[in-house]
Amino acid sequence: MSKDKENKFGTFLKEILTGDIFSKQFFARQIGVIIWGILLAFFYMNNRMVCEQSYKEIHELRKELANEKYIALYNESELLKASRIGTVKQFIENQELNLVEENKPAYKVILKQPEKDN
């Protein structure tokens, strides 16, 4: 190390040990660095708060989505249960409707369009 660097380090160490580092002159020389550090601290805290709020909202939305999936699954199973052939037959019998189950399979009617002469 050169004598100039040793002298600066010695002076800096002396200022720390004697408490002169907190003098008005030190703060006047370092005001830009101090302000920059304070701004970075504010941006860091603000960013952390925004991220925590976003994480909290994402967590709540995931829980809500899971609940909605369970509700949809339950409703789908209830609809499938209600649309079973046995359930429909029992409903018709309970309502005393005069409906009879058809034994013939369904068939498709195809209508032919008349050809046009040009």
PDB file of N, CA and C in Angstrom:
ATOM      1  N   MET A   1       0.843  -1.185   0.000  1.00  0.00           N
ATOM      2  CA  MET A   1       0.000   0.000   0.000  1.00  0.00           C
ATOM      3  C   MET A   1       0.887   1.246   0.000  1.00  0.00           C
ATOM      4  N   SER A   2       0.389   2.251  -0.679  1.00  0.00           N
ATOM      5  CA  SER A   2       1.158   3.486  -0.708  1.00  0.00           C
ATOM      6  C   SER A   2       0.896   4.271   0.570  1.00  0.00           C
ATOM      7  N   LYS A   3       1.759   5.228   0.823  1.00  0.00           N
ATOM      8  CA  LYS A   3       1.624   6.025   2.044  1.00  0.00           C
ATOM      9  C   LYS A   3       0.346   6.850   2.029  1.00  0.00           C
ATOM     10  N   ASP A   4      -0.080   7.266   0.833  1.00  0.00           N
ATOM     11  CA  ASP A   4      -1.302   8.068   0.716  1.00  0.00           C
ATOM     12  C   ASP A   4      -2.518   7.239   1.135  1.00  0.00           C
ATOM     13  N   LYS A   5      -2.592   5.982   0.669  1.00  0.00           N
ATOM     14  CA  LYS A   5      -3.716   5.111   1.028  1.00  0.00           C
ATOM     15  C   LYS A   5      -3.672   4.755   2.503  1.00  0.00           C
ATOM     16  N   GLU A   6      -2.452   4.506   3.035  1.00  0.00           N
ATOM     17  CA  GLU A   6      -2.331   4.196   4.454  1.00  0.00           C
ATOM     18  C   GLU A   6      -2.763   5.382   5.299  1.00  0.00           C
ATOM     19  N   ASN A   7      -2.441   6.590   4.851  1.00  0.00           N
ATOM     20  CA  ASN A   7      -2.794   7.800   5.576  1.00  0.00           C
ATOM     21  C   ASN A   7      -4.311   7.991   5.588  1.00  0.00           C
ATOM     22  N   LYS A   8      -4.970   7.748   4.427  1.00  0.00           N
ATOM     23  CA  LYS A   8      -6.427   7.886   4.358  1.00  0.00           C
ATOM     24  C   LYS A   8      -7.111   6.842   5.234  1.00  0.00           C
ATOM     25  N   PHE A   9      -6.592   5.606   5.207  1.00  0.00           N
ATOM     26  CA  PHE A   9      -7.183   4.553   6.023  1.00  0.00           C
ATOM     27  C   PHE A   9      -6.992   4.854   7.500  1.00  0.00           C
ATOM     28  N   GLY A  10      -5.825   5.335   7.852  1.00  0.00           N
ATOM     29  CA  GLY A  10      -5.548   5.694   9.245  1.00  0.00           C
ATOM     30  C   GLY A  10      -6.451   6.834   9.697  1.00  0.00           C
ATOM     31  N   THR A  11      -6.631   7.812   8.857  1.00  0.00           N
ATOM     32  CA  THR A  11      -7.507   8.940   9.182  1.00  0.00           C
ATOM     33  C   THR A  11      -8.949   8.466   9.342  1.00  0.00           C
ATOM     34  N   PHE A  12      -9.373   7.593   8.436  1.00  0.00           N
ATOM     35  CA  PHE A  12     -10.749   7.064   8.509  1.00  0.00           C
ATOM     36  C   PHE A  12     -10.938   6.249   9.785  1.00  0.00           C
ATOM     37  N   LEU A  13      -9.965   5.423  10.120  1.00  0.00           N
ATOM     38  CA  LEU A  13     -10.036   4.616  11.334  1.00  0.00           C
ATOM     39  C   LEU A  13     -10.048   5.503  12.566  1.00  0.00           C
ATOM     40  N   LYS A  14      -9.247   6.561  12.549  1.00  0.00           N
ATOM     41  CA  LYS A  14      -9.202   7.499  13.662  1.00  0.00           C
ATOM     42  C   LYS A  14     -10.556   8.205  13.819  1.00  0.00           C
ATOM     43  N   GLU A  15     -11.195   8.585  12.699  1.00  0.00           N
ATOM     44  CA  GLU A  15     -12.509   9.248  12.757  1.00  0.00           C
ATOM     45  C   GLU A  15     -13.561   8.310  13.344  1.00  0.00           C
ATOM     46  N   ILE A  16     -13.487   7.043  12.999  1.00  0.00           N
ATOM     47  CA  ILE A  16     -14.459   6.081  13.543  1.00  0.00           C
ATOM     48  C   ILE A  16     -14.260   5.917  15.041  1.00  0.00           C
ATOM     49  N   LEU A  17     -13.021   5.728  15.475  1.00  0.00           N
ATOM     50  CA  LEU A  17     -12.739   5.487  16.899  1.00  0.00           C
ATOM     51  C   LEU A  17     -13.021   6.708  17.761  1.00  0.00           C
ATOM     52  N   THR A  18     -12.762   7.898  17.259  1.00  0.00           N
ATOM     53  CA  THR A  18     -12.990   9.103  18.061  1.00  0.00           C
ATOM     54  C   THR A  18     -14.420   9.622  17.967  1.00  0.00           C
ATOM     55  N   GLY A  19     -15.181   9.134  16.978  1.00  0.00           N
ATOM     56  CA  GLY A  19     -16.557   9.592  16.831  1.00  0.00           C
ATOM     57  C   GLY A  19     -16.688  10.795  15.935  1.00  0.00           C
ATOM     58  N   ASP A  20     -15.593  11.231  15.361  1.00  0.00           N
ATOM     59  CA  ASP A  20     -15.635  12.385  14.466  1.00  0.00           C
ATOM     60  C   ASP A  20     -16.365  12.067  13.170  1.00  0.00           C
ATOM     61  N   ILE A  21     -16.606  10.796  12.923  1.00  0.00           N
ATOM     62  CA  ILE A  21     -17.294  10.405  11.689  1.00  0.00           C
ATOM     63  C   ILE A  21     -18.717  10.963  11.658  1.00  0.00           C
ATOM     64  N   PHE A  22     -19.273  11.213  12.844  1.00  0.00           N
ATOM     65  CA  PHE A  22     -20.634  11.741  12.918  1.00  0.00           C
ATOM     66  C   PHE A  22     -20.674  13.266  12.932  1.00  0.00           C
ATOM     67  N   SER A  23     -19.585  13.871  12.590  1.00  0.00           N
ATOM     68  CA  SER A  23     -19.535  15.336  12.577  1.00  0.00           C
ATOM     69  C   SER A  23     -20.289  15.889  11.372  1.00  0.00           C
ATOM     70  N   LYS A  24     -20.519  17.152  11.433  1.00  0.00           N
ATOM     71  CA  LYS A  24     -21.242  17.831  10.361  1.00  0.00           C
ATOM     72  C   LYS A  24     -20.478  17.757   9.045  1.00  0.00           C
ATOM     73  N   GLN A  25     -19.191  17.802   9.109  1.00  0.00           N
ATOM     74  CA  GLN A  25     -18.369  17.784   7.910  1.00  0.00           C
ATOM     75  C   GLN A  25     -18.493  16.440   7.173  1.00  0.00           C
ATOM     76  N   PHE A  26     -18.533  15.339   7.908  1.00  0.00           N
ATOM     77  CA  PHE A  26     -18.664  14.020   7.278  1.00  0.00           C
ATOM     78  C   PHE A  26     -19.994  13.905   6.557  1.00  0.00           C
ATOM     79  N   PHE A  27     -21.056  14.316   7.212  1.00  0.00           N
ATOM     80  CA  PHE A  27     -22.378  14.223   6.591  1.00  0.00           C
ATOM     81  C   PHE A  27     -22.503  15.151   5.386  1.00  0.00           C
ATOM     82  N   ALA A  28     -21.851  16.291   5.445  1.00  0.00           N
ATOM     83  CA  ALA A  28     -21.881  17.227   4.317  1.00  0.00           C
ATOM     84  C   ALA A  28     -21.184  16.615   3.105  1.00  0.00           C
ATOM     85  N   ARG A  29     -20.100  15.868   3.332  1.00  0.00           N
ATOM     86  CA  ARG A  29     -19.399  15.234   2.221  1.00  0.00           C
ATOM     87  C   ARG A  29     -20.176  14.037   1.665  1.00  0.00           C
ATOM     88  N   GLN A  30     -20.927  13.375   2.491  1.00  0.00           N
ATOM     89  CA  GLN A  30     -21.576  12.126   2.097  1.00  0.00           C
ATOM     90  C   GLN A  30     -23.099  12.265   1.911  1.00  0.00           C
ATOM     91  N   ILE A  31     -23.616  13.480   1.783  1.00  0.00           N
ATOM     92  CA  ILE A  31     -25.067  13.694   1.711  1.00  0.00           C
ATOM     93  C   ILE A  31     -25.691  12.982   0.514  1.00  0.00           C
ATOM     94  N   GLY A  32     -24.998  12.949  -0.612  1.00  0.00           N
ATOM     95  CA  GLY A  32     -25.536  12.276  -1.794  1.00  0.00           C
ATOM     96  C   GLY A  32     -25.686  10.776  -1.568  1.00  0.00           C
ATOM     97  N   VAL A  33     -24.670  10.174  -0.956  1.00  0.00           N
ATOM     98  CA  VAL A  33     -24.713   8.735  -0.683  1.00  0.00           C
ATOM     99  C   VAL A  33     -25.802   8.422   0.339  1.00  0.00           C
ATOM    100  N   ILE A  34     -25.940   9.277   1.338  1.00  0.00           N
ATOM    101  CA  ILE A  34     -26.956   9.063   2.375  1.00  0.00           C
ATOM    102  C   ILE A  34     -28.358   9.142   1.771  1.00  0.00           C
ATOM    103  N   ILE A  35     -28.606  10.153   0.965  1.00  0.00           N
ATOM    104  CA  ILE A  35     -29.920  10.295   0.321  1.00  0.00           C
ATOM    105  C   ILE A  35     -30.188   9.107  -0.598  1.00  0.00           C
ATOM    106  N   TRP A  36     -29.185   8.687  -1.357  1.00  0.00           N
ATOM    107  CA  TRP A  36     -29.334   7.538  -2.257  1.00  0.00           C
ATOM    108  C   TRP A  36     -29.670   6.271  -1.453  1.00  0.00           C
ATOM    109  N   GLY A  37     -29.007   6.076  -0.326  1.00  0.00           N
ATOM    110  CA  GLY A  37     -29.286   4.915   0.527  1.00  0.00           C
ATOM    111  C   GLY A  37     -30.698   4.950   1.091  1.00  0.00           C
ATOM    112  N   ILE A  38     -31.150   6.133   1.505  1.00  0.00           N
ATOM    113  CA  ILE A  38     -32.515   6.268   2.039  1.00  0.00           C
ATOM    114  C   ILE A  38     -33.540   5.988   0.945  1.00  0.00           C
ATOM    115  N   LEU A  39     -33.316   6.507  -0.260  1.00  0.00           N
ATOM    116  CA  LEU A  39     -34.237   6.241  -1.372  1.00  0.00           C
ATOM    117  C   LEU A  39     -34.293   4.754  -1.701  1.00  0.00           C
ATOM    118  N   LEU A  40     -33.133   4.100  -1.736  1.00  0.00           N
ATOM    119  CA  LEU A  40     -33.115   2.658  -1.998  1.00  0.00           C
ATOM    120  C   LEU A  40     -33.874   1.892  -0.919  1.00  0.00           C
ATOM    121  N   ALA A  41     -33.710   2.311   0.336  1.00  0.00           N
ATOM    122  CA  ALA A  41     -34.425   1.651   1.434  1.00  0.00           C
ATOM    123  C   ALA A  41     -35.934   1.819   1.267  1.00  0.00           C
ATOM    124  N   PHE A  42     -36.398   3.017   0.894  1.00  0.00           N
ATOM    125  CA  PHE A  42     -37.831   3.231   0.687  1.00  0.00           C
ATOM    126  C   PHE A  42     -38.358   2.393  -0.468  1.00  0.00           C
ATOM    127  N   PHE A  43     -37.601   2.357  -1.581  1.00  0.00           N
ATOM    128  CA  PHE A  43     -38.041   1.544  -2.720  1.00  0.00           C
ATOM    129  C   PHE A  43     -38.079   0.062  -2.357  1.00  0.00           C
ATOM    130  N   TYR A  44     -37.109  -0.388  -1.589  1.00  0.00           N
ATOM    131  CA  TYR A  44     -37.077  -1.788  -1.171  1.00  0.00           C
ATOM    132  C   TYR A  44     -38.294  -2.115  -0.309  1.00  0.00           C
ATOM    133  N   MET A  45     -38.587  -1.254   0.674  1.00  0.00           N
ATOM    134  CA  MET A  45     -39.728  -1.510   1.556  1.00  0.00           C
ATOM    135  C   MET A  45     -41.041  -1.474   0.779  1.00  0.00           C
ATOM    136  N   ASN A  46     -41.177  -0.517  -0.140  1.00  0.00           N
ATOM    137  CA  ASN A  46     -42.404  -0.413  -0.933  1.00  0.00           C
ATOM    138  C   ASN A  46     -42.566  -1.652  -1.818  1.00  0.00           C
ATOM    139  N   ASN A  47     -41.497  -2.070  -2.471  1.00  0.00           N
ATOM    140  CA  ASN A  47     -41.560  -3.241  -3.331  1.00  0.00           C
ATOM    141  C   ASN A  47     -41.911  -4.480  -2.532  1.00  0.00           C
ATOM    142  N   ARG A  48     -41.343  -4.617  -1.353  1.00  0.00           N
ATOM    143  CA  ARG A  48     -41.640  -5.775  -0.510  1.00  0.00           C
ATOM    144  C   ARG A  48     -43.111  -5.784  -0.094  1.00  0.00           C
ATOM    145  N   MET A  49     -43.648  -4.637   0.258  1.00  0.00           N
ATOM    146  CA  MET A  49     -45.059  -4.567   0.655  1.00  0.00           C
ATOM    147  C   MET A  49     -45.965  -4.923  -0.518  1.00  0.00           C
ATOM    148  N   VAL A  50     -45.662  -4.420  -1.705  1.00  0.00           N
ATOM    149  CA  VAL A  50     -46.469  -4.715  -2.890  1.00  0.00           C
ATOM    150  C   VAL A  50     -46.406  -6.209  -3.201  1.00  0.00           C
ATOM    151  N   CYS A  51     -45.224  -6.788  -3.107  1.00  0.00           N
ATOM    152  CA  CYS A  51     -45.080  -8.224  -3.377  1.00  0.00           C
ATOM    153  C   CYS A  51     -45.844  -9.058  -2.357  1.00  0.00           C
ATOM    154  N   GLU A  52     -45.793  -8.682  -1.090  1.00  0.00           N
ATOM    155  CA  GLU A  52     -46.523  -9.419  -0.063  1.00  0.00           C
ATOM    156  C   GLU A  52     -48.030  -9.327  -0.290  1.00  0.00           C
ATOM    157  N   GLN A  53     -48.518  -8.145  -0.675  1.00  0.00           N
ATOM    158  CA  GLN A  53     -49.945  -8.004  -0.958  1.00  0.00           C
ATOM    159  C   GLN A  53     -50.344  -8.833  -2.165  1.00  0.00           C
ATOM    160  N   SER A  54     -49.511  -8.858  -3.191  1.00  0.00           N
ATOM    161  CA  SER A  54     -49.805  -9.662  -4.377  1.00  0.00           C
ATOM    162  C   SER A  54     -49.805 -11.144  -4.028  1.00  0.00           C
ATOM    163  N   TYR A  55     -48.843 -11.580  -3.222  1.00  0.00           N
ATOM    164  CA  TYR A  55     -48.779 -12.981  -2.821  1.00  0.00           C
ATOM    165  C   TYR A  55     -50.017 -13.358  -2.014  1.00  0.00           C
ATOM    166  N   LYS A  56     -50.442 -12.470  -1.128  1.00  0.00           N
ATOM    167  CA  LYS A  56     -51.627 -12.722  -0.310  1.00  0.00           C
ATOM    168  C   LYS A  56     -52.871 -12.838  -1.195  1.00  0.00           C
ATOM    169  N   GLU A  57     -53.005 -11.953  -2.175  1.00  0.00           N
ATOM    170  CA  GLU A  57     -54.148 -11.992  -3.088  1.00  0.00           C
ATOM    171  C   GLU A  57     -54.126 -13.271  -3.928  1.00  0.00           C
ATOM    172  N   ILE A  58     -52.940 -13.673  -4.406  1.00  0.00           N
ATOM    173  CA  ILE A  58     -52.824 -14.902  -5.191  1.00  0.00           C
ATOM    174  C   ILE A  58     -53.224 -16.104  -4.344  1.00  0.00           C
ATOM    175  N   HIS A  59     -52.793 -16.128  -3.095  1.00  0.00           N
ATOM    176  CA  HIS A  59     -53.130 -17.237  -2.196  1.00  0.00           C
ATOM    177  C   HIS A  59     -54.640 -17.310  -1.969  1.00  0.00           C
ATOM    178  N   GLU A  60     -55.272 -16.157  -1.737  1.00  0.00           N
ATOM    179  CA  GLU A  60     -56.721 -16.128  -1.527  1.00  0.00           C
ATOM    180  C   GLU A  60     -57.471 -16.566  -2.790  1.00  0.00           C
ATOM    181  N   LEU A  61     -57.006 -16.131  -3.958  1.00  0.00           N
ATOM    182  CA  LEU A  61     -57.649 -16.524  -5.212  1.00  0.00           C
ATOM    183  C   LEU A  61     -57.496 -18.020  -5.472  1.00  0.00           C
ATOM    184  N   ARG A  62     -56.352 -18.588  -5.115  1.00  0.00           N
ATOM    185  CA  ARG A  62     -56.165 -20.034  -5.285  1.00  0.00           C
ATOM    186  C   ARG A  62     -57.115 -20.816  -4.380  1.00  0.00           C
ATOM    187  N   LYS A  63     -57.289 -20.334  -3.143  1.00  0.00           N
ATOM    188  CA  LYS A  63     -58.229 -20.999  -2.236  1.00  0.00           C
ATOM    189  C   LYS A  63     -59.649 -20.895  -2.778  1.00  0.00           C
ATOM    190  N   GLU A  64     -60.018 -19.725  -3.293  1.00  0.00           N
ATOM    191  CA  GLU A  64     -61.353 -19.533  -3.859  1.00  0.00           C
ATOM    192  C   GLU A  64     -61.553 -20.422  -5.082  1.00  0.00           C
ATOM    193  N   LEU A  65     -60.527 -20.538  -5.925  1.00  0.00           N
ATOM    194  CA  LEU A  65     -60.607 -21.400  -7.100  1.00  0.00           C
ATOM    195  C   LEU A  65     -60.796 -22.855  -6.693  1.00  0.00           C
ATOM    196  N   ALA A  66     -60.088 -23.305  -5.677  1.00  0.00           N
ATOM    197  CA  ALA A  66     -60.242 -24.683  -5.201  1.00  0.00           C
ATOM    198  C   ALA A  66     -61.664 -24.912  -4.697  1.00  0.00           C
ATOM    199  N   ASN A  67     -62.207 -23.947  -3.957  1.00  0.00           N
ATOM    200  CA  ASN A  67     -63.581 -24.078  -3.464  1.00  0.00           C
ATOM    201  C   ASN A  67     -64.572 -24.140  -4.621  1.00  0.00           C
ATOM    202  N   GLU A  68     -64.375 -23.305  -5.627  1.00  0.00           N
ATOM    203  CA  GLU A  68     -65.279 -23.310  -6.782  1.00  0.00           C
ATOM    204  C   GLU A  68     -65.173 -24.624  -7.556  1.00  0.00           C
ATOM    205  N   LYS A  69     -63.978 -25.195  -7.628  1.00  0.00           N
ATOM    206  CA  LYS A  69     -63.829 -26.485  -8.298  1.00  0.00           C
ATOM    207  C   LYS A  69     -64.588 -27.572  -7.553  1.00  0.00           C
ATOM    208  N   TYR A  70     -64.510 -27.557  -6.226  1.00  0.00           N
ATOM    209  CA  TYR A  70     -65.256 -28.546  -5.437  1.00  0.00           C
ATOM    210  C   TYR A  70     -66.755 -28.381  -5.621  1.00  0.00           C
ATOM    211  N   ILE A  71     -67.228 -27.151  -5.660  1.00  0.00           N
ATOM    212  CA  ILE A  71     -68.659 -26.896  -5.863  1.00  0.00           C
ATOM    213  C   ILE A  71     -69.085 -27.376  -7.242  1.00  0.00           C
ATOM    214  N   ALA A  72     -68.280 -27.089  -8.258  1.00  0.00           N
ATOM    215  CA  ALA A  72     -68.603 -27.522  -9.620  1.00  0.00           C
ATOM    216  C   ALA A  72     -68.616 -29.045  -9.716  1.00  0.00           C
ATOM    217  N   LEU A  73     -67.680 -29.697  -9.068  1.00  0.00           N
ATOM    218  CA  LEU A  73     -67.620 -31.158  -9.076  1.00  0.00           C
ATOM    219  C   LEU A  73     -68.843 -31.748  -8.391  1.00  0.00           C
ATOM    220  N   TYR A  74     -69.247 -31.151  -7.278  1.00  0.00           N
ATOM    221  CA  TYR A  74     -70.439 -31.621  -6.566  1.00  0.00           C
ATOM    222  C   TYR A  74     -71.692 -31.440  -7.430  1.00  0.00           C
ATOM    223  N   ASN A  75     -71.830 -30.268  -8.048  1.00  0.00           N
ATOM    224  CA  ASN A  75     -73.007 -30.012  -8.899  1.00  0.00           C
ATOM    225  C   ASN A  75     -73.030 -30.969 -10.093  1.00  0.00           C
ATOM    226  N   GLU A  76     -71.881 -31.233 -10.682  1.00  0.00           N
ATOM    227  CA  GLU A  76     -71.823 -32.145 -11.817  1.00  0.00           C
ATOM    228  C   GLU A  76     -72.234 -33.558 -11.401  1.00  0.00           C
ATOM    229  N   SER A  77     -71.779 -33.999 -10.238  1.00  0.00           N
ATOM    230  CA  SER A  77     -72.155 -35.338  -9.788  1.00  0.00           C
ATOM    231  C   SER A  77     -73.647 -35.413  -9.476  1.00  0.00           C
ATOM    232  N   GLU A  78     -74.209 -34.348  -8.928  1.00  0.00           N
ATOM    233  CA  GLU A  78     -75.658 -34.332  -8.660  1.00  0.00           C
ATOM    234  C   GLU A  78     -76.455 -34.385  -9.967  1.00  0.00           C
ATOM    235  N   LEU A  79     -76.002 -33.649 -10.976  1.00  0.00           N
ATOM    236  CA  LEU A  79     -76.696 -33.665 -12.265  1.00  0.00           C
ATOM    237  C   LEU A  79     -76.583 -35.029 -12.935  1.00  0.00           C
ATOM    238  N   LEU A  80     -75.430 -35.652 -12.856  1.00  0.00           N
ATOM    239  CA  LEU A  80     -75.276 -36.992 -13.421  1.00  0.00           C
ATOM    240  C   LEU A  80     -76.160 -38.000 -12.698  1.00  0.00           C
ATOM    241  N   LYS A  81     -76.255 -37.850 -11.401  1.00  0.00           N
ATOM    242  CA  LYS A  81     -77.111 -38.745 -10.607  1.00  0.00           C
ATOM    243  C   LYS A  81     -78.577 -38.561 -10.989  1.00  0.00           C
ATOM    244  N   ALA A  82     -78.982 -37.318 -11.187  1.00  0.00           N
ATOM    245  CA  ALA A  82     -80.385 -37.033 -11.522  1.00  0.00           C
ATOM    246  C   ALA A  82     -80.726 -37.458 -12.939  1.00  0.00           C
ATOM    247  N   SER A  83     -79.757 -37.567 -13.829  1.00  0.00           N
ATOM    248  CA  SER A  83     -80.065 -37.896 -15.217  1.00  0.00           C
ATOM    249  C   SER A  83     -79.905 -39.387 -15.528  1.00  0.00           C
ATOM    250  N   ARG A  84     -79.659 -40.204 -14.538  1.00  0.00           N
ATOM    251  CA  ARG A  84     -79.590 -41.646 -14.771  1.00  0.00           C
ATOM    252  C   ARG A  84     -80.965 -42.168 -15.167  1.00  0.00           C
ATOM    253  N   ILE A  85     -80.955 -43.233 -15.968  1.00  0.00           N
ATOM    254  CA  ILE A  85     -82.225 -43.783 -16.472  1.00  0.00           C
ATOM    255  C   ILE A  85     -83.107 -44.231 -15.319  1.00  0.00           C
ATOM    256  N   GLY A  86     -82.539 -44.900 -14.336  1.00  0.00           N
ATOM    257  CA  GLY A  86     -83.328 -45.369 -13.197  1.00  0.00           C
ATOM    258  C   GLY A  86     -83.942 -44.226 -12.413  1.00  0.00           C
ATOM    259  N   THR A  87     -83.216 -43.162 -12.232  1.00  0.00           N
ATOM    260  CA  THR A  87     -83.715 -42.006 -11.485  1.00  0.00           C
ATOM    261  C   THR A  87     -84.844 -41.326 -12.257  1.00  0.00           C
ATOM    262  N   VAL A  88     -84.690 -41.234 -13.578  1.00  0.00           N
ATOM    263  CA  VAL A  88     -85.731 -40.615 -14.405  1.00  0.00           C
ATOM    264  C   VAL A  88     -86.994 -41.468 -14.366  1.00  0.00           C
ATOM    265  N   LYS A  89     -86.842 -42.793 -14.464  1.00  0.00           N
ATOM    266  CA  LYS A  89     -88.018 -43.687 -14.396  1.00  0.00           C
ATOM    267  C   LYS A  89     -88.732 -43.545 -13.057  1.00  0.00           C
ATOM    268  N   GLN A  90     -87.961 -43.501 -11.997  1.00  0.00           N
ATOM    269  CA  GLN A  90     -88.561 -43.363 -10.665  1.00  0.00           C
ATOM    270  C   GLN A  90     -89.269 -42.016 -10.527  1.00  0.00           C
ATOM    271  N   PHE A  91     -88.709 -40.969 -11.074  1.00  0.00           N
ATOM    272  CA  PHE A  91     -89.336 -39.650 -11.032  1.00  0.00           C
ATOM    273  C   PHE A  91     -90.667 -39.664 -11.785  1.00  0.00           C
ATOM    274  N   ILE A  92     -90.674 -40.322 -12.953  1.00  0.00           N
ATOM    275  CA  ILE A  92     -91.909 -40.398 -13.752  1.00  0.00           C
ATOM    276  C   ILE A  92     -92.977 -41.183 -12.992  1.00  0.00           C
ATOM    277  N   GLU A  93     -92.584 -42.270 -12.357  1.00  0.00           N
ATOM    278  CA  GLU A  93     -93.542 -43.065 -11.580  1.00  0.00           C
ATOM    279  C   GLU A  93     -94.068 -42.276 -10.386  1.00  0.00           C
ATOM    280  N   ASN A  94     -93.226 -41.543  -9.715  1.00  0.00           N
ATOM    281  CA  ASN A  94     -93.645 -40.756  -8.549  1.00  0.00           C
ATOM    282  C   ASN A  94     -94.594 -39.630  -8.950  1.00  0.00           C
ATOM    283  N   GLN A  95     -94.406 -39.076 -10.133  1.00  0.00           N
ATOM    284  CA  GLN A  95     -95.256 -37.989 -10.609  1.00  0.00           C
ATOM    285  C   GLN A  95     -96.551 -38.515 -11.226  1.00  0.00           C
ATOM    286  N   GLU A  96     -96.661 -39.812 -11.341  1.00  0.00           N
ATOM    287  CA  GLU A  96     -97.833 -40.472 -11.928  1.00  0.00           C
ATOM    288  C   GLU A  96     -98.148 -39.932 -13.319  1.00  0.00           C
ATOM    289  N   LEU A  97     -97.129 -39.833 -14.132  1.00  0.00           N
ATOM    290  CA  LEU A  97     -97.290 -39.431 -15.516  1.00  0.00           C
ATOM    291  C   LEU A  97     -97.547 -40.687 -16.345  1.00  0.00           C
ATOM    292  N   ASN A  98     -98.373 -40.571 -17.325  1.00  0.00           N
ATOM    293  CA  ASN A  98     -98.706 -41.717 -18.167  1.00  0.00           C
ATOM    294  C   ASN A  98     -97.728 -41.798 -19.336  1.00  0.00           C
ATOM    295  N   LEU A  99     -96.472 -41.969 -19.026  1.00  0.00           N
ATOM    296  CA  LEU A  99     -95.447 -42.094 -20.046  1.00  0.00           C
ATOM    297  C   LEU A  99     -94.983 -43.546 -20.089  1.00  0.00           C
ATOM    298  N   VAL A 100     -94.774 -44.036 -21.305  1.00  0.00           N
ATOM    299  CA  VAL A 100     -94.352 -45.417 -21.486  1.00  0.00           C
ATOM    300  C   VAL A 100     -93.007 -45.404 -22.196  1.00  0.00           C
ATOM    301  N   GLU A 101     -92.118 -46.295 -21.757  1.00  0.00           N
ATOM    302  CA  GLU A 101     -90.804 -46.380 -22.386  1.00  0.00           C
ATOM    303  C   GLU A 101     -90.952 -47.094 -23.726  1.00  0.00           C
ATOM    304  N   GLU A 102     -90.371 -46.524 -24.748  1.00  0.00           N
ATOM    305  CA  GLU A 102     -90.449 -47.077 -26.092  1.00  0.00           C
ATOM    306  C   GLU A 102     -89.464 -48.230 -26.216  1.00  0.00           C
ATOM    307  N   ASN A 103     -89.939 -49.325 -26.810  1.00  0.00           N
ATOM    308  CA  ASN A 103     -89.080 -50.503 -26.959  1.00  0.00           C
ATOM    309  C   ASN A 103     -88.321 -50.476 -28.278  1.00  0.00           C
ATOM    310  N   LYS A 104     -88.816 -49.765 -29.260  1.00  0.00           N
ATOM    311  CA  LYS A 104     -88.148 -49.690 -30.558  1.00  0.00           C
ATOM    312  C   LYS A 104     -87.030 -48.648 -30.496  1.00  0.00           C
ATOM    313  N   PRO A 105     -85.967 -48.916 -31.204  1.00  0.00           N
ATOM    314  CA  PRO A 105     -84.900 -47.909 -31.226  1.00  0.00           C
ATOM    315  C   PRO A 105     -85.313 -46.705 -32.068  1.00  0.00           C
ATOM    316  N   ALA A 106     -84.715 -45.598 -31.810  1.00  0.00           N
ATOM    317  CA  ALA A 106     -85.012 -44.383 -32.574  1.00  0.00           C
ATOM    318  C   ALA A 106     -84.460 -44.528 -33.986  1.00  0.00           C
ATOM    319  N   TYR A 107     -85.100 -43.880 -34.931  1.00  0.00           N
ATOM    320  CA  TYR A 107     -84.604 -43.911 -36.304  1.00  0.00           C
ATOM    321  C   TYR A 107     -84.647 -42.504 -36.858  1.00  0.00           C
ATOM    322  N   LYS A 108     -83.881 -42.313 -37.906  1.00  0.00           N
ATOM    323  CA  LYS A 108     -83.701 -40.994 -38.482  1.00  0.00           C
ATOM    324  C   LYS A 108     -84.506 -40.896 -39.775  1.00  0.00           C
ATOM    325  N   VAL A 109     -85.232 -39.805 -39.918  1.00  0.00           N
ATOM    326  CA  VAL A 109     -86.026 -39.568 -41.118  1.00  0.00           C
ATOM    327  C   VAL A 109     -85.226 -38.651 -42.032  1.00  0.00           C
ATOM    328  N   ILE A 110     -85.041 -39.090 -43.268  1.00  0.00           N
ATOM    329  CA  ILE A 110     -84.291 -38.294 -44.238  1.00  0.00           C
ATOM    330  C   ILE A 110     -85.240 -37.866 -45.345  1.00  0.00           C
ATOM    331  N   LEU A 111     -85.339 -36.586 -45.571  1.00  0.00           N
ATOM    332  CA  LEU A 111     -86.188 -36.052 -46.635  1.00  0.00           C
ATOM    333  C   LEU A 111     -85.318 -35.713 -47.826  1.00  0.00           C
ATOM    334  N   LYS A 112     -85.757 -36.185 -48.993  1.00  0.00           N
ATOM    335  CA  LYS A 112     -85.007 -35.888 -50.210  1.00  0.00           C
ATOM    336  C   LYS A 112     -85.549 -34.600 -50.812  1.00  0.00           C
ATOM    337  N   GLN A 113     -84.631 -33.760 -51.235  1.00  0.00           N
ATOM    338  CA  GLN A 113     -85.034 -32.512 -51.872  1.00  0.00           C
ATOM    339  C   GLN A 113     -85.306 -32.796 -53.355  1.00  0.00           C
ATOM    340  N   PRO A 114     -86.394 -32.244 -53.889  1.00  0.00           N
ATOM    341  CA  PRO A 114     -86.651 -32.463 -55.330  1.00  0.00           C
ATOM    342  C   PRO A 114     -85.589 -31.755 -56.161  1.00  0.00           C
ATOM    343  N   GLU A 115     -85.198 -32.411 -57.235  1.00  0.00           N
ATOM    344  CA  GLU A 115     -84.189 -31.830 -58.114  1.00  0.00           C
ATOM    345  C   GLU A 115     -84.806 -30.764 -58.984  1.00  0.00           C
ATOM    346  N   LYS A 116     -84.081 -29.686 -59.178  1.00  0.00           N
ATOM    347  CA  LYS A 116     -84.574 -28.584 -60.009  1.00  0.00           C
ATOM    348  C   LYS A 116     -84.034 -28.753 -61.409  1.00  0.00           C
ATOM    349  N   ASP A 117     -84.899 -28.539 -62.401  1.00  0.00           N
ATOM    350  CA  ASP A 117     -84.483 -28.610 -63.791  1.00  0.00           C
ATOM    351  C   ASP A 117     -84.134 -27.202 -64.261  1.00  0.00           C
ATOM    352  N   ASN A 118     -83.004 -27.057 -64.837  1.00  0.00           N
ATOM    353  CA  ASN A 118     -82.579 -25.754 -65.330  1.00  0.00           C
ATOM    354  C   ASN A 118     -82.710 -25.666 -66.804  1.00  0.00           C
TER     355      ASN A 118
END
